[in-house]
Every structure is written in C-alpha cells, then in structure tokens.
C-alpha cells in the first residue's frame, strides 16, 4: 500500500492506451494534436511568465520584500499575525517556489511545530500564487484586462493570511 503512488501514472497511461484502442482512436494523431496545442499555449503565456520571473527576481535582489516586511511588522503584530511570516505573506501571491523557500527557512529557524511554523504552513496552504495564476490562465486565453480579478484575489490572500494566523492561535 505504501508504494501505490509508484503505479498510478503507469496505470493511467495503460488505461488511456487500452481505452483509446477499444474506441478505435488514432492515439498518435491525438497525442500530436495535444502537443501542438500545448506548444501554442506555451508560446502565448511565455511573455507573461518571463516578465513575472524577472520582476520577482528584481524585487528579491533589491531587498524590496525585506523593506516592506519591516514596515508591515508592527501592523501585523497588532492584527495577530506573527511578524516572522510577513515575508511569506508577501511572496506567496507572487511566486510559489520563492514562497516555499521562505517557508523552508521558517521551518529551519523556528521549527515546523512552533506557532510561527504552523502559521506559515496554514498560510502556504490557504493562499494562492495569485499573479502566477493570473499570468498563466489569462495569458493562455488572451485576456489583457483583469478588471476585478487582482483586487479580489489579493483580498482573498490577505484574508487567508489573517484567518490562518487567528486559527492557528485558537487551536
């Protein structure tokens, strides 16, 4: 039972091939069409993703996240958010890998079972990589104007951080 994950992907592949053969689908042609659509989607979203990666790298290298974290720490303390998780809260809407690197640093410094570690875990699980998701999903269908998406998504992220902090303190 512990190794069931080792068999899931091969089982799905076998299932698709057998099902396609039973339905008399030309699997190679269908695979080729899917690959062409995938490359087309990649080309359409690449500029957004490249811009996002460059912007995140520039903000990290400039120390912007550290400056904003230091400025927000008193407000976060007042709201009941541990100041140690502020960098995670700032990074999470922008990049998943960067936020998980911060999460790992929090675990190493404070421990996974500490109040800070638990709060960081809940924040990581209850917030979204907002700008990445918008870049990928809106870019793939060619939407240029996000209208209310960014404010609504960032509001959800802020509430996720706030309620994560309060919930961890309650339980």
N, C-alpha and C. Protein backbone atom coordinates (compact mmCIF):
# COMPACT_ATOMS: atom_id res chain seq x y z
N UNK A 1 0.81 -1.19 0.00
CA UNK A 1 0.00 0.00 0.00
C UNK A 1 0.86 1.26 0.00
N UNK A 2 2.06 1.17 0.58
CA UNK A 2 2.93 2.34 0.67
C UNK A 2 3.48 2.75 -0.70
N UNK A 3 3.52 1.82 -1.62
CA UNK A 3 4.10 2.11 -2.94
C UNK A 3 3.03 2.28 -4.02
N UNK A 4 1.81 2.54 -3.63
CA UNK A 4 0.74 2.67 -4.61
C UNK A 4 1.00 3.83 -5.57
N UNK A 5 1.66 4.88 -5.08
CA UNK A 5 1.98 6.03 -5.92
C UNK A 5 2.90 5.67 -7.08
N UNK A 6 3.70 4.63 -6.91
CA UNK A 6 4.61 4.20 -7.97
C UNK A 6 3.86 3.62 -9.17
N UNK A 7 2.62 3.20 -8.95
CA UNK A 7 1.87 2.52 -10.00
C UNK A 7 0.76 3.36 -10.62
N UNK A 8 0.48 4.52 -10.04
CA UNK A 8 -0.66 5.32 -10.51
C UNK A 8 -0.42 5.83 -11.94
N UNK A 9 0.71 6.48 -12.19
CA UNK A 9 0.97 7.05 -13.52
C UNK A 9 1.04 5.96 -14.59
N UNK A 10 1.80 4.89 -14.37
CA UNK A 10 1.78 3.83 -15.40
C UNK A 10 0.39 3.23 -15.61
N UNK A 11 -0.39 3.11 -14.54
CA UNK A 11 -1.74 2.56 -14.68
C UNK A 11 -2.62 3.49 -15.51
N UNK A 12 -2.50 4.79 -15.29
CA UNK A 12 -3.29 5.75 -16.07
C UNK A 12 -2.89 5.69 -17.55
N UNK A 13 -1.59 5.59 -17.82
CA UNK A 13 -1.11 5.51 -19.20
C UNK A 13 -1.66 4.26 -19.88
N UNK A 14 -1.58 3.13 -19.20
CA UNK A 14 -2.10 1.88 -19.76
C UNK A 14 -3.61 2.00 -19.99
N UNK A 15 -4.31 2.59 -19.03
CA UNK A 15 -5.76 2.77 -19.18
C UNK A 15 -6.09 3.61 -20.41
N UNK A 16 -5.38 4.72 -20.60
CA UNK A 16 -5.64 5.61 -21.75
C UNK A 16 -5.38 4.87 -23.06
N UNK A 17 -4.27 4.13 -23.13
CA UNK A 17 -3.94 3.41 -24.36
C UNK A 17 -4.98 2.33 -24.65
N UNK A 18 -5.37 1.56 -23.63
CA UNK A 18 -6.35 0.49 -23.83
C UNK A 18 -7.71 1.09 -24.20
N UNK A 19 -8.13 2.14 -23.49
CA UNK A 19 -9.42 2.77 -23.77
C UNK A 19 -9.44 3.36 -25.18
N UNK A 20 -8.34 4.00 -25.57
CA UNK A 20 -8.24 4.56 -26.92
C UNK A 20 -8.28 3.47 -27.98
N UNK A 21 -7.62 2.36 -27.71
CA UNK A 21 -7.64 1.25 -28.67
C UNK A 21 -9.03 0.65 -28.80
N UNK A 22 -9.73 0.51 -27.67
CA UNK A 22 -11.09 -0.02 -27.71
C UNK A 22 -12.04 0.91 -28.46
N UNK A 23 -11.83 2.21 -28.34
CA UNK A 23 -12.68 3.19 -29.03
C UNK A 23 -12.19 3.47 -30.46
N UNK A 24 -11.10 2.79 -30.86
CA UNK A 24 -10.52 2.92 -32.20
C UNK A 24 -10.12 4.37 -32.52
N UNK A 25 -9.43 4.98 -31.53
CA UNK A 25 -8.92 6.34 -31.68
C UNK A 25 -7.47 6.26 -32.12
N UNK A 26 -7.09 7.08 -33.11
CA UNK A 26 -5.70 7.12 -33.54
C UNK A 26 -4.91 7.90 -32.48
N UNK A 27 -4.37 7.17 -31.52
CA UNK A 27 -3.73 7.79 -30.36
C UNK A 27 -2.54 8.67 -30.73
N UNK A 28 -1.78 8.27 -31.73
CA UNK A 28 -0.61 9.07 -32.10
C UNK A 28 -1.03 10.43 -32.64
N UNK A 29 -2.05 10.46 -33.50
CA UNK A 29 -2.54 11.73 -34.05
C UNK A 29 -3.13 12.61 -32.95
N UNK A 30 -3.90 12.02 -32.04
CA UNK A 30 -4.49 12.78 -30.94
C UNK A 30 -3.38 13.32 -30.04
N UNK A 31 -2.37 12.52 -29.77
CA UNK A 31 -1.24 12.97 -28.96
C UNK A 31 -0.53 14.13 -29.66
N UNK A 32 -0.32 14.03 -30.96
CA UNK A 32 0.32 15.10 -31.72
C UNK A 32 -0.48 16.39 -31.69
N UNK A 33 -1.81 16.29 -31.82
CA UNK A 33 -2.65 17.49 -31.74
C UNK A 33 -2.55 18.13 -30.36
N UNK A 34 -2.57 17.31 -29.33
CA UNK A 34 -2.45 17.84 -27.97
C UNK A 34 -1.10 18.51 -27.74
N UNK A 35 -0.05 17.91 -28.27
CA UNK A 35 1.28 18.51 -28.14
C UNK A 35 1.35 19.85 -28.87
N UNK A 36 0.75 19.94 -30.06
CA UNK A 36 0.73 21.21 -30.79
C UNK A 36 -0.03 22.28 -30.02
N UNK A 37 -1.17 21.91 -29.44
CA UNK A 37 -1.94 22.86 -28.64
C UNK A 37 -1.15 23.30 -27.40
N UNK A 38 -0.43 22.37 -26.80
CA UNK A 38 0.39 22.70 -25.63
C UNK A 38 1.49 23.68 -25.97
N UNK A 39 2.15 23.47 -27.08
CA UNK A 39 3.22 24.38 -27.52
C UNK A 39 2.63 25.74 -27.84
N UNK A 40 1.46 25.76 -28.47
CA UNK A 40 0.79 27.02 -28.78
C UNK A 40 0.45 27.78 -27.50
N UNK A 41 -0.05 27.07 -26.50
CA UNK A 41 -0.35 27.71 -25.20
C UNK A 41 0.91 28.23 -24.56
N UNK A 42 1.98 27.46 -24.61
CA UNK A 42 3.25 27.88 -24.02
C UNK A 42 3.74 29.17 -24.66
N UNK A 43 3.64 29.25 -25.98
CA UNK A 43 4.10 30.45 -26.69
C UNK A 43 3.25 31.66 -26.30
N UNK A 44 1.96 31.45 -26.09
CA UNK A 44 1.09 32.58 -25.75
C UNK A 44 1.29 33.08 -24.32
N UNK A 45 1.66 32.19 -23.38
CA UNK A 45 1.83 32.63 -22.00
C UNK A 45 3.28 32.93 -21.64
N UNK A 46 4.23 32.58 -22.49
CA UNK A 46 5.65 32.78 -22.18
C UNK A 46 6.00 34.23 -21.85
N UNK A 47 5.54 35.23 -22.61
CA UNK A 47 5.91 36.60 -22.25
C UNK A 47 5.46 37.01 -20.84
N UNK A 48 4.25 36.60 -20.46
CA UNK A 48 3.76 36.92 -19.12
C UNK A 48 4.61 36.25 -18.05
N UNK A 49 4.93 34.97 -18.26
CA UNK A 49 5.73 34.25 -17.27
C UNK A 49 7.15 34.79 -17.18
N UNK A 50 7.74 35.11 -18.30
CA UNK A 50 9.11 35.67 -18.29
C UNK A 50 9.12 37.01 -17.56
N UNK A 51 8.13 37.85 -17.84
CA UNK A 51 8.03 39.13 -17.15
C UNK A 51 7.85 38.96 -15.66
N UNK A 52 7.03 37.99 -15.25
CA UNK A 52 6.79 37.73 -13.84
C UNK A 52 8.07 37.25 -13.15
N UNK A 53 8.78 36.34 -13.78
CA UNK A 53 10.02 35.82 -13.19
C UNK A 53 11.06 36.93 -13.05
N UNK A 54 11.18 37.77 -14.06
CA UNK A 54 12.14 38.88 -13.99
C UNK A 54 11.75 39.86 -12.89
N UNK A 55 10.47 40.20 -12.80
CA UNK A 55 10.02 41.14 -11.77
C UNK A 55 10.27 40.60 -10.37
N UNK A 56 9.96 39.33 -10.15
CA UNK A 56 10.19 38.72 -8.83
C UNK A 56 11.67 38.72 -8.49
N UNK A 57 12.50 38.35 -9.44
CA UNK A 57 13.95 38.33 -9.21
C UNK A 57 14.47 39.72 -8.87
N UNK A 58 13.97 40.73 -9.57
CA UNK A 58 14.40 42.10 -9.30
C UNK A 58 13.95 42.56 -7.91
N UNK A 59 12.71 42.25 -7.54
CA UNK A 59 12.22 42.64 -6.23
C UNK A 59 12.98 41.95 -5.10
N UNK A 60 13.28 40.67 -5.29
CA UNK A 60 14.05 39.93 -4.28
C UNK A 60 15.46 40.49 -4.15
N UNK A 61 16.13 40.71 -5.29
CA UNK A 61 17.51 41.18 -5.28
C UNK A 61 17.63 42.59 -4.72
N UNK A 62 16.60 43.41 -4.92
CA UNK A 62 16.67 44.80 -4.45
C UNK A 62 16.40 44.93 -2.96
N UNK A 63 15.91 43.87 -2.32
CA UNK A 63 15.59 43.94 -0.90
C UNK A 63 14.20 44.52 -0.64
N UNK A 64 13.39 44.66 -1.68
CA UNK A 64 12.06 45.23 -1.55
C UNK A 64 11.21 44.47 -0.53
N UNK A 65 11.22 43.13 -0.61
CA UNK A 65 10.41 42.34 0.30
C UNK A 65 10.85 42.53 1.75
N UNK A 66 12.14 42.66 1.99
CA UNK A 66 12.63 42.89 3.34
C UNK A 66 12.18 44.25 3.87
N UNK A 67 12.25 45.27 3.03
CA UNK A 67 11.84 46.62 3.44
C UNK A 67 10.35 46.64 3.78
N UNK A 68 9.53 46.07 2.91
CA UNK A 68 8.09 46.06 3.14
C UNK A 68 7.76 45.21 4.36
N UNK A 69 8.47 44.10 4.54
CA UNK A 69 8.25 43.26 5.72
C UNK A 69 8.51 44.04 7.00
N UNK A 70 9.60 44.78 7.02
CA UNK A 70 9.93 45.58 8.21
C UNK A 70 8.89 46.66 8.46
N UNK A 71 8.38 47.26 7.40
CA UNK A 71 7.36 48.30 7.55
C UNK A 71 6.03 47.73 8.03
N UNK A 72 5.68 46.53 7.57
CA UNK A 72 4.40 45.93 7.93
C UNK A 72 4.40 45.18 9.25
N UNK A 73 5.56 44.89 9.80
CA UNK A 73 5.65 44.10 11.02
C UNK A 73 4.82 44.67 12.18
N UNK A 74 4.87 45.98 12.47
CA UNK A 74 4.05 46.49 13.59
C UNK A 74 2.54 46.31 13.36
N UNK A 75 2.09 46.54 12.13
CA UNK A 75 0.67 46.37 11.81
C UNK A 75 0.28 44.91 11.95
N UNK A 76 1.14 44.03 11.46
CA UNK A 76 0.85 42.59 11.53
C UNK A 76 0.81 42.12 12.98
N UNK A 77 1.73 42.61 13.79
CA UNK A 77 1.71 42.24 15.21
C UNK A 77 0.40 42.67 15.86
N UNK A 78 -0.06 43.87 15.53
CA UNK A 78 -1.33 44.37 16.07
C UNK A 78 -2.49 43.48 15.64
N UNK A 79 -2.48 42.99 14.40
CA UNK A 79 -3.55 42.15 13.89
C UNK A 79 -3.45 40.69 14.33
N UNK A 80 -2.36 40.34 15.02
CA UNK A 80 -2.20 38.97 15.48
C UNK A 80 -1.46 38.07 14.51
N UNK A 81 -0.82 38.66 13.53
CA UNK A 81 -0.04 37.88 12.56
C UNK A 81 1.41 37.90 13.02
N UNK A 82 2.03 36.74 13.19
CA UNK A 82 3.44 36.73 13.59
C UNK A 82 4.30 37.47 12.56
N UNK A 83 5.10 38.43 12.99
CA UNK A 83 5.91 39.20 12.04
C UNK A 83 6.86 38.33 11.22
N UNK A 84 7.20 37.16 11.74
CA UNK A 84 8.13 36.27 11.04
C UNK A 84 7.54 35.70 9.75
N UNK A 85 6.22 35.70 9.62
CA UNK A 85 5.59 35.15 8.42
C UNK A 85 5.26 36.22 7.38
N UNK A 86 5.58 37.48 7.68
CA UNK A 86 5.28 38.56 6.73
C UNK A 86 5.98 38.34 5.39
N UNK A 87 7.28 37.97 5.36
CA UNK A 87 7.90 37.72 4.05
C UNK A 87 7.18 36.63 3.25
N UNK A 88 6.70 35.60 3.93
CA UNK A 88 5.94 34.55 3.24
C UNK A 88 4.64 35.11 2.68
N UNK A 89 3.95 35.93 3.46
CA UNK A 89 2.71 36.53 3.00
C UNK A 89 2.91 37.44 1.81
N UNK A 90 4.05 38.10 1.75
CA UNK A 90 4.34 38.97 0.61
C UNK A 90 4.74 38.18 -0.62
N UNK A 91 5.46 37.10 -0.43
CA UNK A 91 5.99 36.33 -1.55
C UNK A 91 4.95 35.37 -2.13
N UNK A 92 4.06 34.86 -1.31
CA UNK A 92 3.11 33.83 -1.75
C UNK A 92 2.27 34.24 -2.96
N UNK A 93 1.70 35.45 -3.00
CA UNK A 93 0.91 35.80 -4.18
C UNK A 93 1.73 35.94 -5.46
N UNK A 94 3.04 36.05 -5.32
CA UNK A 94 3.89 36.32 -6.48
C UNK A 94 4.49 35.04 -7.04
N UNK A 95 5.04 34.21 -6.18
CA UNK A 95 5.73 33.01 -6.66
C UNK A 95 5.62 31.86 -5.68
N UNK A 96 5.33 30.69 -6.20
CA UNK A 96 5.23 29.51 -5.36
C UNK A 96 6.58 29.02 -4.89
N UNK A 97 7.56 28.93 -5.79
CA UNK A 97 8.86 28.41 -5.40
C UNK A 97 9.56 29.34 -4.42
N UNK A 98 9.45 30.64 -4.63
CA UNK A 98 10.05 31.60 -3.70
C UNK A 98 9.39 31.53 -2.33
N UNK A 99 8.07 31.37 -2.31
CA UNK A 99 7.38 31.29 -1.02
C UNK A 99 7.70 29.99 -0.29
N UNK A 100 7.89 28.91 -1.03
CA UNK A 100 8.25 27.66 -0.37
C UNK A 100 9.69 27.69 0.15
N UNK A 101 10.55 28.45 -0.50
CA UNK A 101 11.90 28.64 0.03
C UNK A 101 11.84 29.41 1.35
N UNK A 102 10.98 30.42 1.41
CA UNK A 102 10.80 31.16 2.66
C UNK A 102 10.18 30.26 3.73
N UNK A 103 9.21 29.45 3.34
CA UNK A 103 8.58 28.50 4.27
C UNK A 103 9.63 27.55 4.85
N UNK A 104 10.51 27.06 3.99
CA UNK A 104 11.57 26.17 4.45
C UNK A 104 12.50 26.88 5.44
N UNK A 105 12.83 28.14 5.16
CA UNK A 105 13.66 28.91 6.07
C UNK A 105 12.98 29.10 7.42
N UNK A 106 11.67 29.34 7.40
CA UNK A 106 10.91 29.48 8.65
C UNK A 106 10.97 28.18 9.43
N UNK A 107 10.80 27.04 8.75
CA UNK A 107 10.89 25.75 9.43
C UNK A 107 12.26 25.53 10.06
N UNK A 108 13.30 25.87 9.32
CA UNK A 108 14.65 25.68 9.84
C UNK A 108 14.93 26.58 11.03
N UNK A 109 14.42 27.80 10.99
CA UNK A 109 14.72 28.76 12.05
C UNK A 109 13.85 28.59 13.29
N UNK A 110 12.54 28.34 13.09
CA UNK A 110 11.61 28.31 14.22
C UNK A 110 11.05 26.92 14.51
N UNK A 111 11.20 25.99 13.56
CA UNK A 111 10.65 24.65 13.72
C UNK A 111 9.26 24.55 13.12
N UNK A 112 8.95 23.39 12.59
CA UNK A 112 7.66 23.19 11.93
C UNK A 112 6.51 23.17 12.92
N UNK A 113 6.78 22.78 14.16
CA UNK A 113 5.71 22.68 15.16
C UNK A 113 5.57 23.93 16.03
N UNK A 114 6.35 24.95 15.76
CA UNK A 114 6.21 26.20 16.50
C UNK A 114 4.98 26.95 16.01
N UNK A 115 4.57 27.96 16.76
CA UNK A 115 3.41 28.76 16.33
C UNK A 115 3.70 29.45 15.00
N UNK A 116 4.95 29.89 14.81
CA UNK A 116 5.34 30.53 13.56
C UNK A 116 5.33 29.51 12.42
N UNK A 117 5.88 28.32 12.66
CA UNK A 117 5.91 27.28 11.64
C UNK A 117 4.52 26.81 11.25
N UNK A 118 3.66 26.63 12.23
CA UNK A 118 2.29 26.21 11.93
C UNK A 118 1.53 27.30 11.17
N UNK A 119 1.69 28.53 11.62
CA UNK A 119 1.03 29.64 10.92
C UNK A 119 1.51 29.72 9.48
N UNK A 120 2.81 29.60 9.28
CA UNK A 120 3.38 29.64 7.93
C UNK A 120 2.83 28.50 7.07
N UNK A 121 2.68 27.32 7.66
CA UNK A 121 2.13 26.18 6.93
C UNK A 121 0.70 26.44 6.47
N UNK A 122 -0.11 26.97 7.37
CA UNK A 122 -1.50 27.23 7.02
C UNK A 122 -1.59 28.35 5.98
N UNK A 123 -0.74 29.36 6.11
CA UNK A 123 -0.71 30.43 5.10
C UNK A 123 -0.35 29.85 3.73
N UNK A 124 0.67 29.01 3.68
CA UNK A 124 1.09 28.42 2.41
C UNK A 124 -0.02 27.57 1.79
N UNK A 125 -0.82 26.92 2.63
CA UNK A 125 -1.89 26.08 2.12
C UNK A 125 -3.19 26.81 1.83
N UNK A 126 -3.35 28.01 2.37
CA UNK A 126 -4.63 28.70 2.21
C UNK A 126 -4.54 29.95 1.35
N UNK A 127 -3.41 30.17 0.72
CA UNK A 127 -3.27 31.31 -0.19
C UNK A 127 -2.85 30.78 -1.56
N UNK A 128 -2.89 31.66 -2.53
CA UNK A 128 -2.63 31.26 -3.91
C UNK A 128 -1.49 32.08 -4.48
N UNK A 129 -0.82 31.53 -5.48
CA UNK A 129 0.17 32.30 -6.23
C UNK A 129 -0.60 33.13 -7.25
N UNK A 130 -1.21 34.17 -6.75
CA UNK A 130 -2.18 34.97 -7.49
C UNK A 130 -1.66 35.46 -8.84
N UNK A 131 -0.53 36.13 -8.82
CA UNK A 131 -0.03 36.74 -10.06
C UNK A 131 0.42 35.68 -11.07
N UNK A 132 0.97 34.58 -10.60
CA UNK A 132 1.35 33.48 -11.49
C UNK A 132 0.09 32.90 -12.13
N UNK A 133 -0.93 32.64 -11.31
CA UNK A 133 -2.16 32.05 -11.84
C UNK A 133 -2.82 32.97 -12.86
N UNK A 134 -2.84 34.27 -12.55
CA UNK A 134 -3.43 35.22 -13.49
C UNK A 134 -2.64 35.26 -14.79
N UNK A 135 -1.30 35.27 -14.66
CA UNK A 135 -0.47 35.30 -15.86
C UNK A 135 -0.70 34.07 -16.73
N UNK A 136 -0.78 32.91 -16.10
CA UNK A 136 -0.96 31.67 -16.87
C UNK A 136 -2.36 31.57 -17.46
N UNK A 137 -3.38 31.71 -16.63
CA UNK A 137 -4.74 31.46 -17.10
C UNK A 137 -5.25 32.56 -18.01
N UNK A 138 -5.02 33.81 -17.64
CA UNK A 138 -5.49 34.88 -18.51
C UNK A 138 -4.64 34.96 -19.78
N UNK A 139 -3.32 34.71 -19.63
CA UNK A 139 -2.46 34.73 -20.80
C UNK A 139 -2.77 33.63 -21.79
N UNK A 140 -3.19 32.47 -21.30
CA UNK A 140 -3.46 31.35 -22.21
C UNK A 140 -4.68 31.59 -23.08
N UNK A 141 -5.60 32.43 -22.64
CA UNK A 141 -6.79 32.71 -23.44
C UNK A 141 -6.78 34.13 -24.00
N UNK A 142 -5.69 34.85 -23.78
CA UNK A 142 -5.52 36.16 -24.40
C UNK A 142 -6.24 37.31 -23.73
N UNK A 143 -6.59 37.17 -22.45
CA UNK A 143 -7.26 38.27 -21.75
C UNK A 143 -6.21 39.26 -21.28
N UNK A 144 -6.38 40.52 -21.64
CA UNK A 144 -5.41 41.57 -21.29
C UNK A 144 -5.85 42.35 -20.05
N UNK A 145 -7.14 42.58 -19.89
CA UNK A 145 -7.66 43.37 -18.77
C UNK A 145 -8.23 42.42 -17.71
N UNK A 146 -7.64 42.47 -16.53
CA UNK A 146 -8.05 41.56 -15.47
C UNK A 146 -9.21 42.10 -14.64
N UNK A 147 -9.58 43.37 -14.82
CA UNK A 147 -10.67 44.03 -14.11
C UNK A 147 -10.57 43.83 -12.60
N UNK A 148 -11.50 43.09 -12.04
CA UNK A 148 -11.57 42.95 -10.58
C UNK A 148 -10.82 41.72 -10.07
N UNK A 149 -10.19 40.99 -10.95
CA UNK A 149 -9.54 39.74 -10.54
C UNK A 149 -8.42 39.98 -9.53
N UNK A 150 -7.53 40.90 -9.83
CA UNK A 150 -6.38 41.13 -8.94
C UNK A 150 -6.83 41.63 -7.57
N UNK A 151 -7.67 42.67 -7.47
CA UNK A 151 -8.10 43.09 -6.13
C UNK A 151 -8.83 41.99 -5.36
N UNK A 152 -9.69 41.25 -6.04
CA UNK A 152 -10.43 40.19 -5.36
C UNK A 152 -9.50 39.08 -4.88
N UNK A 153 -8.56 38.69 -5.73
CA UNK A 153 -7.63 37.62 -5.36
C UNK A 153 -6.70 38.05 -4.24
N UNK A 154 -6.21 39.28 -4.29
CA UNK A 154 -5.34 39.77 -3.22
C UNK A 154 -6.11 39.92 -1.91
N UNK A 155 -7.37 40.30 -1.98
CA UNK A 155 -8.20 40.36 -0.78
C UNK A 155 -8.33 38.97 -0.17
N UNK A 156 -8.55 37.97 -1.02
CA UNK A 156 -8.64 36.59 -0.53
C UNK A 156 -7.32 36.15 0.10
N UNK A 157 -6.19 36.54 -0.50
CA UNK A 157 -4.89 36.20 0.08
C UNK A 157 -4.70 36.85 1.44
N UNK A 158 -5.04 38.12 1.55
CA UNK A 158 -4.90 38.84 2.82
C UNK A 158 -5.78 38.20 3.89
N UNK A 159 -7.02 37.89 3.54
CA UNK A 159 -7.90 37.23 4.50
C UNK A 159 -7.40 35.84 4.85
N UNK A 160 -6.83 35.14 3.88
CA UNK A 160 -6.24 33.82 4.17
C UNK A 160 -5.12 33.92 5.18
N UNK A 161 -4.27 34.94 5.04
CA UNK A 161 -3.17 35.14 5.99
C UNK A 161 -3.71 35.49 7.36
N UNK A 162 -4.68 36.39 7.40
CA UNK A 162 -5.25 36.83 8.67
C UNK A 162 -5.94 35.68 9.39
N UNK A 163 -6.81 34.96 8.70
CA UNK A 163 -7.53 33.87 9.34
C UNK A 163 -6.62 32.68 9.64
N UNK A 164 -5.58 32.48 8.86
CA UNK A 164 -4.61 31.42 9.17
C UNK A 164 -3.96 31.72 10.52
N UNK A 165 -3.56 32.96 10.72
CA UNK A 165 -2.92 33.34 11.98
C UNK A 165 -3.86 33.18 13.15
N UNK A 166 -5.08 33.64 13.00
CA UNK A 166 -6.05 33.53 14.08
C UNK A 166 -6.43 32.08 14.38
N UNK A 167 -6.59 31.29 13.33
CA UNK A 167 -6.99 29.89 13.51
C UNK A 167 -5.90 29.10 14.22
N UNK A 168 -4.66 29.32 13.83
CA UNK A 168 -3.55 28.59 14.47
C UNK A 168 -3.48 28.98 15.95
N UNK A 169 -3.68 30.24 16.27
CA UNK A 169 -3.64 30.67 17.68
C UNK A 169 -4.80 30.06 18.47
N UNK A 170 -5.97 29.91 17.83
CA UNK A 170 -7.13 29.34 18.53
C UNK A 170 -6.94 27.85 18.81
N UNK A 171 -6.34 27.14 17.88
CA UNK A 171 -6.23 25.69 18.02
C UNK A 171 -4.84 25.28 18.38
